[in-house]
Amino acid sequence: MAWKQYLESTGTEEMVTNEMEKDIEAPRIIADRFQKIGSSPNLKSADLQEVVLRAIHSHAATYLSSGRAHPPHHHWTKLSS
């Protein structure tokens, strides 16, 4: 029986076993990423304008949540075609 299952069977707090699961999963994620190095990328078609605007809006939201007063004054709502 694995340690996580053993602890669950003995009534250990769920928070402890959940954290243990995260610790177990982290090396799997890293190994998966390393395994993908050198493999063919999975490319998707995308609207460049949408991607850029999403990145700008995401950056602005991150900037505002950082506690700074105002984001840089870029009022881009639509890129010219």
Protein backbone atom coordinates (compact mmCIF):
# COMPACT_ATOMS: atom_id res chain seq x y z
CA MET A 1 0.00 0.00 0.00
CA ALA A 2 1.35 3.47 -0.88
CA TRP A 3 1.89 6.08 1.83
CA LYS A 4 -0.90 8.35 0.65
CA GLN A 5 -3.46 5.54 0.68
CA TYR A 6 -2.17 4.34 4.04
CA LEU A 7 -2.57 7.81 5.56
CA GLU A 8 -6.06 8.12 4.09
CA SER A 9 -7.02 4.76 5.60
CA THR A 10 -5.80 5.88 9.04
CA GLY A 11 -7.96 9.00 9.04
CA THR A 12 -5.25 11.57 8.35
CA GLU A 13 -6.60 15.03 7.55
CA GLU A 14 -7.66 15.41 3.93
CA MET A 15 -5.59 18.59 3.58
CA VAL A 16 -2.43 16.59 4.34
CA THR A 17 -3.16 13.90 1.76
CA ASN A 18 -4.19 16.54 -0.82
CA GLU A 19 -0.86 18.31 -0.37
CA MET A 20 0.89 14.97 -0.60
CA GLU A 21 -0.90 14.30 -3.90
CA LYS A 22 0.38 17.64 -5.26
CA ASP A 23 3.92 16.68 -4.25
CA ILE A 24 3.52 13.32 -5.99
CA GLU A 25 2.09 14.89 -9.15
CA ALA A 26 4.78 17.62 -9.53
CA PRO A 27 7.60 15.28 -10.71
CA ARG A 28 5.17 13.63 -13.15
CA ILE A 29 4.39 17.02 -14.71
CA ILE A 30 8.08 17.89 -14.96
CA ALA A 31 8.93 14.51 -16.52
CA ASP A 32 6.09 14.96 -19.04
CA ARG A 33 7.45 18.36 -20.04
CA PHE A 34 10.98 17.01 -20.50
CA GLN A 35 9.61 14.13 -22.54
CA LYS A 36 8.06 16.62 -24.97
CA ILE A 37 11.40 18.33 -25.70
CA GLY A 38 12.32 17.72 -29.31
CA SER A 39 8.89 16.43 -30.30
CA SER A 40 6.77 18.09 -32.97
CA PRO A 41 4.78 21.05 -31.64
CA ASN A 42 0.99 20.99 -31.64
CA LEU A 43 0.25 24.13 -33.67
CA LYS A 44 -3.17 25.74 -33.83
CA SER A 45 -4.52 28.42 -36.14
CA ALA A 46 -5.48 31.58 -34.28
CA ASP A 47 -6.58 35.11 -35.00
CA LEU A 48 -3.46 37.18 -34.25
CA GLN A 49 -5.50 40.26 -33.35
CA GLU A 50 -7.46 38.30 -30.71
CA VAL A 51 -4.29 36.79 -29.27
CA VAL A 52 -2.57 40.18 -28.99
CA LEU A 53 -5.62 41.88 -27.45
CA ARG A 54 -6.04 39.04 -24.94
CA ALA A 55 -2.38 39.43 -23.96
CA ILE A 56 -2.76 43.20 -23.56
CA HIS A 57 -5.89 42.86 -21.43
CA SER A 58 -4.27 40.14 -19.34
CA HIS A 59 -1.20 42.31 -18.79
CA ALA A 60 -3.38 45.27 -17.79
CA ALA A 61 -5.31 43.13 -15.30
CA THR A 62 -2.07 41.83 -13.80
CA TYR A 63 -0.69 45.36 -13.61
CA LEU A 64 -3.80 46.65 -11.85
CA SER A 65 -3.90 43.77 -9.38
CA SER A 66 -0.26 44.46 -8.46
CA GLY A 67 -1.39 47.57 -6.58
CA ARG A 68 -0.09 50.15 -9.02
CA ALA A 69 -2.35 53.10 -9.62
CA HIS A 70 -2.86 52.89 -13.37
CA PRO A 71 -1.68 50.73 -16.24
CA PRO A 72 0.36 52.33 -19.03
CA HIS A 73 -1.85 54.55 -21.17
CA HIS A 74 -2.45 52.24 -24.11
CA HIS A 75 -6.03 52.47 -25.23
CA TRP A 76 -5.95 49.76 -27.84
CA THR A 77 -9.34 48.28 -28.44
CA LYS A 78 -8.89 47.31 -32.06
CA LEU A 79 -5.80 46.97 -34.16
CA SER A 80 -5.98 48.43 -37.63
CA SER A 81 -6.35 45.88 -40.42
